[in-house]
Amino acid sequence: MKQIHVDMDATYGEACMHGELQALGFDIGIHRVRTSMKRLNLVAKDLKQDKYPVGGKPSVIAPNYLNRQFNPQHLNKLWSGDITYIRTQQGWF
């Protein structure tokens, strides 16, 4: 387990370590892997980083047609909304 931990640059958690050990022919359960990793102080790196787009076009801000005048002359003439976050393939924006 220590060698796998070093070889994989400390990126394997218990699930990946379990799969790797089974692929190497070891008959070991996930719970044994978990307790062994704790005993050996093997901790996986947290690779979850925010991924922001690099380059490309800048975001476009829609024109402010209402200008904070929220009493339209006709019904269904003006609609507004507020989006605080959007889930994309790169993560939450």
PDB file of N, CA and C in Angstrom:
ATOM      1  N   MET A   1       0.827  -1.188   0.000  1.00  0.00           N
ATOM      2  CA  MET A   1       0.000   0.000   0.000  1.00  0.00           C
ATOM      3  C   MET A   1       0.875   1.257   0.000  1.00  0.00           C
ATOM      4  N   LYS A   2       1.954   1.221   0.753  1.00  0.00           N
ATOM      5  CA  LYS A   2       2.848   2.381   0.771  1.00  0.00           C
ATOM      6  C   LYS A   2       3.451   2.629  -0.609  1.00  0.00           C
ATOM      7  N   GLN A   3       3.826   1.550  -1.306  1.00  0.00           N
ATOM      8  CA  GLN A   3       4.427   1.704  -2.630  1.00  0.00           C
ATOM      9  C   GLN A   3       3.413   2.250  -3.636  1.00  0.00           C
ATOM     10  N   ILE A   4       2.195   1.772  -3.582  1.00  0.00           N
ATOM     11  CA  ILE A   4       1.144   2.286  -4.466  1.00  0.00           C
ATOM     12  C   ILE A   4       0.903   3.763  -4.168  1.00  0.00           C
ATOM     13  N   HIS A   5       0.888   4.100  -2.886  1.00  0.00           N
ATOM     14  CA  HIS A   5       0.682   5.481  -2.472  1.00  0.00           C
ATOM     15  C   HIS A   5       1.761   6.398  -3.066  1.00  0.00           C
ATOM     16  N   VAL A   6       2.996   5.938  -3.029  1.00  0.00           N
ATOM     17  CA  VAL A   6       4.111   6.718  -3.579  1.00  0.00           C
ATOM     18  C   VAL A   6       4.033   6.753  -5.105  1.00  0.00           C
ATOM     19  N   ASP A   7       3.788   5.598  -5.725  1.00  0.00           N
ATOM     20  CA  ASP A   7       3.730   5.518  -7.187  1.00  0.00           C
ATOM     21  C   ASP A   7       2.627   6.397  -7.779  1.00  0.00           C
ATOM     22  N   MET A   8       1.527   6.502  -7.090  1.00  0.00           N
ATOM     23  CA  MET A   8       0.386   7.271  -7.590  1.00  0.00           C
ATOM     24  C   MET A   8       0.380   8.700  -7.048  1.00  0.00           C
ATOM     25  N   ASP A   9       1.493   9.148  -6.527  1.00  0.00           N
ATOM     26  CA  ASP A   9       1.665  10.519  -6.041  1.00  0.00           C
ATOM     27  C   ASP A   9       0.605  10.888  -5.008  1.00  0.00           C
ATOM     28  N   ALA A  10       0.273   9.949  -4.152  1.00  0.00           N
ATOM     29  CA  ALA A  10      -0.661  10.149  -3.041  1.00  0.00           C
ATOM     30  C   ALA A  10      -2.040  10.609  -3.505  1.00  0.00           C
ATOM     31  N   THR A  11      -2.480  10.139  -4.673  1.00  0.00           N
ATOM     32  CA  THR A  11      -3.789  10.542  -5.180  1.00  0.00           C
ATOM     33  C   THR A  11      -4.862   9.485  -4.968  1.00  0.00           C
ATOM     34  N   TYR A  12      -4.494   8.294  -4.556  1.00  0.00           N
ATOM     35  CA  TYR A  12      -5.471   7.228  -4.388  1.00  0.00           C
ATOM     36  C   TYR A  12      -6.088   7.263  -2.997  1.00  0.00           C
ATOM     37  N   GLY A  13      -7.409   7.308  -2.971  1.00  0.00           N
ATOM     38  CA  GLY A  13      -8.147   7.136  -1.733  1.00  0.00           C
ATOM     39  C   GLY A  13      -8.423   5.661  -1.526  1.00  0.00           C
ATOM     40  N   GLU A  14      -9.317   5.378  -0.608  1.00  0.00           N
ATOM     41  CA  GLU A  14      -9.556   3.971  -0.264  1.00  0.00           C
ATOM     42  C   GLU A  14     -10.173   3.185  -1.417  1.00  0.00           C
ATOM     43  N   ALA A  15     -11.049   3.795  -2.197  1.00  0.00           N
ATOM     44  CA  ALA A  15     -11.702   3.063  -3.289  1.00  0.00           C
ATOM     45  C   ALA A  15     -10.699   2.721  -4.390  1.00  0.00           C
ATOM     46  N   CYS A  16      -9.888   3.691  -4.782  1.00  0.00           N
ATOM     47  CA  CYS A  16      -8.886   3.429  -5.824  1.00  0.00           C
ATOM     48  C   CYS A  16      -7.827   2.458  -5.328  1.00  0.00           C
ATOM     49  N   MET A  17      -7.430   2.621  -4.077  1.00  0.00           N
ATOM     50  CA  MET A  17      -6.443   1.711  -3.499  1.00  0.00           C
ATOM     51  C   MET A  17      -6.995   0.288  -3.468  1.00  0.00           C
ATOM     52  N   HIS A  18      -8.258   0.152  -3.109  1.00  0.00           N
ATOM     53  CA  HIS A  18      -8.905  -1.160  -3.080  1.00  0.00           C
ATOM     54  C   HIS A  18      -8.899  -1.794  -4.471  1.00  0.00           C
ATOM     55  N   GLY A  19      -9.265  -1.011  -5.487  1.00  0.00           N
ATOM     56  CA  GLY A  19      -9.265  -1.534  -6.853  1.00  0.00           C
ATOM     57  C   GLY A  19      -7.874  -1.919  -7.323  1.00  0.00           C
ATOM     58  N   GLU A  20      -6.883  -1.113  -6.981  1.00  0.00           N
ATOM     59  CA  GLU A  20      -5.504  -1.395  -7.379  1.00  0.00           C
ATOM     60  C   GLU A  20      -4.992  -2.670  -6.713  1.00  0.00           C
ATOM     61  N   LEU A  21      -5.284  -2.841  -5.430  1.00  0.00           N
ATOM     62  CA  LEU A  21      -4.842  -4.042  -4.730  1.00  0.00           C
ATOM     63  C   LEU A  21      -5.517  -5.296  -5.286  1.00  0.00           C
ATOM     64  N   GLN A  22      -6.789  -5.188  -5.613  1.00  0.00           N
ATOM     65  CA  GLN A  22      -7.485  -6.335  -6.197  1.00  0.00           C
ATOM     66  C   GLN A  22      -6.930  -6.646  -7.586  1.00  0.00           C
ATOM     67  N   ALA A  23      -6.580  -5.618  -8.355  1.00  0.00           N
ATOM     68  CA  ALA A  23      -5.997  -5.838  -9.677  1.00  0.00           C
ATOM     69  C   ALA A  23      -4.630  -6.523  -9.561  1.00  0.00           C
ATOM     70  N   LEU A  24      -3.952  -6.283  -8.459  1.00  0.00           N
ATOM     71  CA  LEU A  24      -2.660  -6.932  -8.222  1.00  0.00           C
ATOM     72  C   LEU A  24      -2.804  -8.338  -7.643  1.00  0.00           C
ATOM     73  N   GLY A  25      -4.036  -8.768  -7.393  1.00  0.00           N
ATOM     74  CA  GLY A  25      -4.271 -10.132  -6.938  1.00  0.00           C
ATOM     75  C   GLY A  25      -4.490 -10.291  -5.439  1.00  0.00           C
ATOM     76  N   PHE A  26      -4.567  -9.189  -4.709  1.00  0.00           N
ATOM     77  CA  PHE A  26      -4.815  -9.271  -3.267  1.00  0.00           C
ATOM     78  C   PHE A  26      -6.305  -9.397  -3.010  1.00  0.00           C
ATOM     79  N   ASP A  27      -6.669 -10.351  -2.159  1.00  0.00           N
ATOM     80  CA  ASP A  27      -8.065 -10.541  -1.779  1.00  0.00           C
ATOM     81  C   ASP A  27      -8.295  -9.769  -0.479  1.00  0.00           C
ATOM     82  N   ILE A  28      -8.725  -8.506  -0.619  1.00  0.00           N
ATOM     83  CA  ILE A  28      -8.868  -7.621   0.531  1.00  0.00           C
ATOM     84  C   ILE A  28     -10.141  -6.808   0.366  1.00  0.00           C
ATOM     85  N   GLY A  29     -10.814  -6.563   1.461  1.00  0.00           N
ATOM     86  CA  GLY A  29     -12.049  -5.788   1.427  1.00  0.00           C
ATOM     87  C   GLY A  29     -11.794  -4.301   1.591  1.00  0.00           C
ATOM     88  N   ILE A  30     -12.796  -3.524   1.240  1.00  0.00           N
ATOM     89  CA  ILE A  30     -12.677  -2.076   1.305  1.00  0.00           C
ATOM     90  C   ILE A  30     -12.481  -1.590   2.735  1.00  0.00           C
ATOM     91  N   HIS A  31     -13.102  -2.257   3.697  1.00  0.00           N
ATOM     92  CA  HIS A  31     -12.953  -1.850   5.099  1.00  0.00           C
ATOM     93  C   HIS A  31     -11.536  -2.112   5.603  1.00  0.00           C
ATOM     94  N   ARG A  32     -10.946  -3.203   5.193  1.00  0.00           N
ATOM     95  CA  ARG A  32      -9.559  -3.491   5.573  1.00  0.00           C
ATOM     96  C   ARG A  32      -8.610  -2.468   4.936  1.00  0.00           C
ATOM     97  N   VAL A  33      -8.903  -2.079   3.707  1.00  0.00           N
ATOM     98  CA  VAL A  33      -8.089  -1.052   3.050  1.00  0.00           C
ATOM     99  C   VAL A  33      -8.189   0.250   3.829  1.00  0.00           C
ATOM    100  N   ARG A  34      -9.419   0.618   4.224  1.00  0.00           N
ATOM    101  CA  ARG A  34      -9.625   1.859   4.966  1.00  0.00           C
ATOM    102  C   ARG A  34      -8.849   1.862   6.278  1.00  0.00           C
ATOM    103  N   THR A  35      -8.978   0.804   7.056  1.00  0.00           N
ATOM    104  CA  THR A  35      -8.286   0.760   8.344  1.00  0.00           C
ATOM    105  C   THR A  35      -6.774   0.682   8.160  1.00  0.00           C
ATOM    106  N   SER A  36      -6.318  -0.023   7.138  1.00  0.00           N
ATOM    107  CA  SER A  36      -4.873  -0.111   6.893  1.00  0.00           C
ATOM    108  C   SER A  36      -4.304   1.235   6.468  1.00  0.00           C
ATOM    109  N   MET A  37      -5.049   1.964   5.642  1.00  0.00           N
ATOM    110  CA  MET A  37      -4.575   3.280   5.223  1.00  0.00           C
ATOM    111  C   MET A  37      -4.513   4.237   6.411  1.00  0.00           C
ATOM    112  N   LYS A  38      -5.491   4.147   7.305  1.00  0.00           N
ATOM    113  CA  LYS A  38      -5.459   4.990   8.507  1.00  0.00           C
ATOM    114  C   LYS A  38      -4.263   4.627   9.382  1.00  0.00           C
ATOM    115  N   ARG A  39      -4.038   3.335   9.564  1.00  0.00           N
ATOM    116  CA  ARG A  39      -2.937   2.882  10.412  1.00  0.00           C
ATOM    117  C   ARG A  39      -1.585   3.303   9.839  1.00  0.00           C
ATOM    118  N   LEU A  40      -1.472   3.301   8.505  1.00  0.00           N
ATOM    119  CA  LEU A  40      -0.220   3.676   7.849  1.00  0.00           C
ATOM    120  C   LEU A  40      -0.120   5.182   7.558  1.00  0.00           C
ATOM    121  N   ASN A  41      -1.136   5.937   7.980  1.00  0.00           N
ATOM    122  CA  ASN A  41      -1.188   7.381   7.739  1.00  0.00           C
ATOM    123  C   ASN A  41      -1.083   7.728   6.249  1.00  0.00           C
ATOM    124  N   LEU A  42      -1.778   6.968   5.416  1.00  0.00           N
ATOM    125  CA  LEU A  42      -1.816   7.239   3.985  1.00  0.00           C
ATOM    126  C   LEU A  42      -3.074   8.050   3.688  1.00  0.00           C
ATOM    127  N   VAL A  43      -2.885   9.290   3.318  1.00  0.00           N
ATOM    128  CA  VAL A  43      -4.005  10.193   3.051  1.00  0.00           C
ATOM    129  C   VAL A  43      -3.909  10.658   1.607  1.00  0.00           C
ATOM    130  N   ALA A  44      -5.037  10.583   0.901  1.00  0.00           N
ATOM    131  CA  ALA A  44      -5.055  11.013  -0.498  1.00  0.00           C
ATOM    132  C   ALA A  44      -5.107  12.534  -0.579  1.00  0.00           C
ATOM    133  N   LYS A  45      -4.446  13.071  -1.597  1.00  0.00           N
ATOM    134  CA  LYS A  45      -4.507  14.508  -1.853  1.00  0.00           C
ATOM    135  C   LYS A  45      -5.906  14.866  -2.318  1.00  0.00           C
ATOM    136  N   ASP A  46      -6.332  16.070  -2.007  1.00  0.00           N
ATOM    137  CA  ASP A  46      -7.606  16.570  -2.489  1.00  0.00           C
ATOM    138  C   ASP A  46      -7.357  17.268  -3.813  1.00  0.00           C
ATOM    139  N   LEU A  47      -7.766  16.630  -4.917  1.00  0.00           N
ATOM    140  CA  LEU A  47      -7.499  17.162  -6.249  1.00  0.00           C
ATOM    141  C   LEU A  47      -8.626  18.042  -6.769  1.00  0.00           C
ATOM    142  N   LYS A  48      -9.665  18.242  -5.965  1.00  0.00           N
ATOM    143  CA  LYS A  48     -10.801  19.038  -6.425  1.00  0.00           C
ATOM    144  C   LYS A  48     -10.419  20.508  -6.372  1.00  0.00           C
ATOM    145  N   GLN A  49     -10.212  21.077  -7.525  1.00  0.00           N
ATOM    146  CA  GLN A  49      -9.865  22.478  -7.624  1.00  0.00           C
ATOM    147  C   GLN A  49     -10.866  23.150  -8.545  1.00  0.00           C
ATOM    148  N   ASP A  50     -11.115  24.415  -8.280  1.00  0.00           N
ATOM    149  CA  ASP A  50     -12.005  25.156  -9.153  1.00  0.00           C
ATOM    150  C   ASP A  50     -11.334  25.333 -10.501  1.00  0.00           C
ATOM    151  N   LYS A  51     -12.081  25.047 -11.544  1.00  0.00           N
ATOM    152  CA  LYS A  51     -11.557  25.175 -12.897  1.00  0.00           C
ATOM    153  C   LYS A  51     -12.275  26.337 -13.569  1.00  0.00           C
ATOM    154  N   TYR A  52     -11.533  27.368 -13.854  1.00  0.00           N
ATOM    155  CA  TYR A  52     -12.100  28.530 -14.500  1.00  0.00           C
ATOM    156  C   TYR A  52     -11.650  28.555 -15.948  1.00  0.00           C
ATOM    157  N   PRO A  53     -12.497  29.049 -16.837  1.00  0.00           N
ATOM    158  CA  PRO A  53     -12.105  29.090 -18.246  1.00  0.00           C
ATOM    159  C   PRO A  53     -10.896  30.009 -18.451  1.00  0.00           C
ATOM    160  N   VAL A  54     -10.020  29.592 -19.312  1.00  0.00           N
ATOM    161  CA  VAL A  54      -8.829  30.375 -19.624  1.00  0.00           C
ATOM    162  C   VAL A  54      -8.995  30.947 -21.019  1.00  0.00           C
ATOM    163  N   GLY A  55      -8.770  32.235 -21.152  1.00  0.00           N
ATOM    164  CA  GLY A  55      -8.893  32.865 -22.466  1.00  0.00           C
ATOM    165  C   GLY A  55     -10.329  32.919 -22.927  1.00  0.00           C
ATOM    166  N   GLY A  56     -10.515  32.963 -24.225  1.00  0.00           N
ATOM    167  CA  GLY A  56     -11.865  33.003 -24.774  1.00  0.00           C
ATOM    168  C   GLY A  56     -12.460  34.391 -24.697  1.00  0.00           C
ATOM    169  N   LYS A  57     -13.757  34.477 -24.953  1.00  0.00           N
ATOM    170  CA  LYS A  57     -14.440  35.761 -24.950  1.00  0.00           C
ATOM    171  C   LYS A  57     -14.863  36.120 -23.530  1.00  0.00           C
ATOM    172  N   PRO A  58     -14.836  37.403 -23.187  1.00  0.00           N
ATOM    173  CA  PRO A  58     -15.333  37.808 -21.871  1.00  0.00           C
ATOM    174  C   PRO A  58     -16.845  37.636 -21.818  1.00  0.00           C
ATOM    175  N   SER A  59     -17.368  37.497 -20.604  1.00  0.00           N
ATOM    176  CA  SER A  59     -18.807  37.334 -20.463  1.00  0.00           C
ATOM    177  C   SER A  59     -19.523  38.613 -20.879  1.00  0.00           C
ATOM    178  N   VAL A  60     -20.732  38.450 -21.376  1.00  0.00           N
ATOM    179  CA  VAL A  60     -21.519  39.577 -21.859  1.00  0.00           C
ATOM    180  C   VAL A  60     -22.590  39.887 -20.826  1.00  0.00           C
ATOM    181  N   ILE A  61     -22.661  41.124 -20.427  1.00  0.00           N
ATOM    182  CA  ILE A  61     -23.687  41.550 -19.481  1.00  0.00           C
ATOM    183  C   ILE A  61     -24.866  42.093 -20.284  1.00  0.00           C
ATOM    184  N   ALA A  62     -26.034  41.583 -19.981  1.00  0.00           N
ATOM    185  CA  ALA A  62     -27.233  42.011 -20.703  1.00  0.00           C
ATOM    186  C   ALA A  62     -27.540  43.467 -20.388  1.00  0.00           C
ATOM    187  N   PRO A  63     -28.108  44.189 -21.342  1.00  0.00           N
ATOM    188  CA  PRO A  63     -28.452  45.599 -21.084  1.00  0.00           C
ATOM    189  C   PRO A  63     -29.549  45.707 -20.026  1.00  0.00           C
ATOM    190  N   ASN A  64     -29.525  46.778 -19.273  1.00  0.00           N
ATOM    191  CA  ASN A  64     -30.481  47.008 -18.202  1.00  0.00           C
ATOM    192  C   ASN A  64     -31.662  47.803 -18.755  1.00  0.00           C
ATOM    193  N   TYR A  65     -32.639  47.114 -19.301  1.00  0.00           N
ATOM    194  CA  TYR A  65     -33.796  47.781 -19.898  1.00  0.00           C
ATOM    195  C   TYR A  65     -34.754  48.326 -18.838  1.00  0.00           C
ATOM    196  N   LEU A  66     -34.844  47.655 -17.691  1.00  0.00           N
ATOM    197  CA  LEU A  66     -35.788  48.089 -16.658  1.00  0.00           C
ATOM    198  C   LEU A  66     -35.301  49.320 -15.906  1.00  0.00           C
ATOM    199  N   ASN A  67     -34.003  49.431 -15.708  1.00  0.00           N
ATOM    200  CA  ASN A  67     -33.419  50.543 -14.956  1.00  0.00           C
ATOM    201  C   ASN A  67     -34.160  50.744 -13.635  1.00  0.00           C
ATOM    202  N   ARG A  68     -34.478  49.628 -12.975  1.00  0.00           N
ATOM    203  CA  ARG A  68     -35.150  49.571 -11.681  1.00  0.00           C
ATOM    204  C   ARG A  68     -36.570  50.166 -11.721  1.00  0.00           C
ATOM    205  N   GLN A  69     -37.166  50.242 -12.887  1.00  0.00           N
ATOM    206  CA  GLN A  69     -38.559  50.670 -13.030  1.00  0.00           C
ATOM    207  C   GLN A  69     -39.407  49.412 -13.173  1.00  0.00           C
ATOM    208  N   PHE A  70     -39.907  48.890 -12.060  1.00  0.00           N
ATOM    209  CA  PHE A  70     -40.558  47.587 -12.044  1.00  0.00           C
ATOM    210  C   PHE A  70     -42.076  47.659 -12.223  1.00  0.00           C
ATOM    211  N   ASN A  71     -42.593  48.735 -12.729  1.00  0.00           N
ATOM    212  CA  ASN A  71     -44.025  48.871 -12.968  1.00  0.00           C
ATOM    213  C   ASN A  71     -44.257  49.068 -14.465  1.00  0.00           C
ATOM    214  N   PRO A  72     -44.312  47.980 -15.235  1.00  0.00           N
ATOM    215  CA  PRO A  72     -44.478  48.117 -16.688  1.00  0.00           C
ATOM    216  C   PRO A  72     -45.874  48.620 -17.050  1.00  0.00           C
ATOM    217  N   GLN A  73     -45.975  49.171 -18.242  1.00  0.00           N
ATOM    218  CA  GLN A  73     -47.247  49.710 -18.730  1.00  0.00           C
ATOM    219  C   GLN A  73     -48.221  48.592 -19.105  1.00  0.00           C
ATOM    220  N   HIS A  74     -47.706  47.444 -19.605  1.00  0.00           N
ATOM    221  CA  HIS A  74     -48.544  46.331 -20.050  1.00  0.00           C
ATOM    222  C   HIS A  74     -48.100  45.047 -19.358  1.00  0.00           C
ATOM    223  N   LEU A  75     -49.066  44.130 -19.186  1.00  0.00           N
ATOM    224  CA  LEU A  75     -48.742  42.835 -18.590  1.00  0.00           C
ATOM    225  C   LEU A  75     -47.895  42.001 -19.548  1.00  0.00           C
ATOM    226  N   ASN A  76     -47.016  41.199 -19.022  1.00  0.00           N
ATOM    227  CA  ASN A  76     -46.133  40.307 -19.773  1.00  0.00           C
ATOM    228  C   ASN A  76     -45.257  41.047 -20.780  1.00  0.00           C
ATOM    229  N   LYS A  77     -45.023  42.298 -20.552  1.00  0.00           N
ATOM    230  CA  LYS A  77     -44.162  43.088 -21.438  1.00  0.00           C
ATOM    231  C   LYS A  77     -42.694  42.932 -21.019  1.00  0.00           C
ATOM    232  N   LEU A  78     -42.457  42.965 -19.734  1.00  0.00           N
ATOM    233  CA  LEU A  78     -41.098  42.843 -19.195  1.00  0.00           C
ATOM    234  C   LEU A  78     -41.028  41.706 -18.195  1.00  0.00           C
ATOM    235  N   TRP A  79     -39.981  40.908 -18.310  1.00  0.00           N
ATOM    236  CA  TRP A  79     -39.732  39.820 -17.380  1.00  0.00           C
ATOM    237  C   TRP A  79     -38.316  39.983 -16.839  1.00  0.00           C
ATOM    238  N   SER A  80     -38.128  39.614 -15.614  1.00  0.00           N
ATOM    239  CA  SER A  80     -36.774  39.667 -15.051  1.00  0.00           C
ATOM    240  C   SER A  80     -36.570  38.444 -14.165  1.00  0.00           C
ATOM    241  N   GLY A  81     -35.318  38.179 -13.870  1.00  0.00           N
ATOM    242  CA  GLY A  81     -34.982  37.054 -13.023  1.00  0.00           C
ATOM    243  C   GLY A  81     -33.611  37.260 -12.416  1.00  0.00           C
ATOM    244  N   ASP A  82     -33.262  36.379 -11.514  1.00  0.00           N
ATOM    245  CA  ASP A  82     -31.968  36.468 -10.848  1.00  0.00           C
ATOM    246  C   ASP A  82     -31.356  35.077 -10.820  1.00  0.00           C
ATOM    247  N   ILE A  83     -30.194  34.939 -11.410  1.00  0.00           N
ATOM    248  CA  ILE A  83     -29.470  33.673 -11.378  1.00  0.00           C
ATOM    249  C   ILE A  83     -28.189  33.919 -10.595  1.00  0.00           C
ATOM    250  N   THR A  84     -28.048  33.226  -9.496  1.00  0.00           N
ATOM    251  CA  THR A  84     -26.856  33.440  -8.682  1.00  0.00           C
ATOM    252  C   THR A  84     -25.759  32.436  -9.010  1.00  0.00           C
ATOM    253  N   TYR A  85     -26.118  31.289  -9.572  1.00  0.00           N
ATOM    254  CA  TYR A  85     -25.113  30.319  -9.983  1.00  0.00           C
ATOM    255  C   TYR A  85     -25.688  29.416 -11.069  1.00  0.00           C
ATOM    256  N   ILE A  86     -24.799  28.916 -11.910  1.00  0.00           N
ATOM    257  CA  ILE A  86     -25.183  28.020 -12.999  1.00  0.00           C
ATOM    258  C   ILE A  86     -24.213  26.853 -12.989  1.00  0.00           C
ATOM    259  N   ARG A  87     -24.724  25.632 -13.070  1.00  0.00           N
ATOM    260  CA  ARG A  87     -23.859  24.464 -13.132  1.00  0.00           C
ATOM    261  C   ARG A  87     -23.464  24.215 -14.582  1.00  0.00           C
ATOM    262  N   THR A  88     -22.170  24.117 -14.841  1.00  0.00           N
ATOM    263  CA  THR A  88     -21.655  23.851 -16.180  1.00  0.00           C
ATOM    264  C   THR A  88     -20.766  22.619 -16.126  1.00  0.00           C
ATOM    265  N   GLN A  89     -20.226  22.224 -17.269  1.00  0.00           N
ATOM    266  CA  GLN A  89     -19.324  21.082 -17.296  1.00  0.00           C
ATOM    267  C   GLN A  89     -18.044  21.376 -16.529  1.00  0.00           C
ATOM    268  N   GLN A  90     -17.676  22.647 -16.411  1.00  0.00           N
ATOM    269  CA  GLN A  90     -16.470  23.014 -15.669  1.00  0.00           C
ATOM    270  C   GLN A  90     -16.747  23.166 -14.171  1.00  0.00           C
ATOM    271  N   GLY A  91     -17.988  23.106 -13.758  1.00  0.00           N
ATOM    272  CA  GLY A  91     -18.348  23.278 -12.350  1.00  0.00           C
ATOM    273  C   GLY A  91     -19.385  24.376 -12.205  1.00  0.00           C
ATOM    274  N   TRP A  92     -19.526  24.895 -10.995  1.00  0.00           N
ATOM    275  CA  TRP A  92     -20.517  25.935 -10.716  1.00  0.00           C
ATOM    276  C   TRP A  92     -19.952  27.301 -11.050  1.00  0.00           C
ATOM    277  N   PHE A  93     -20.715  28.083 -11.776  1.00  0.00           N
ATOM    278  CA  PHE A  93     -20.346  29.462 -12.107  1.00  0.00           C
ATOM    279  C   PHE A  93     -21.451  30.385 -11.679  1.00  0.00           C
TER     280      PHE A  93
END
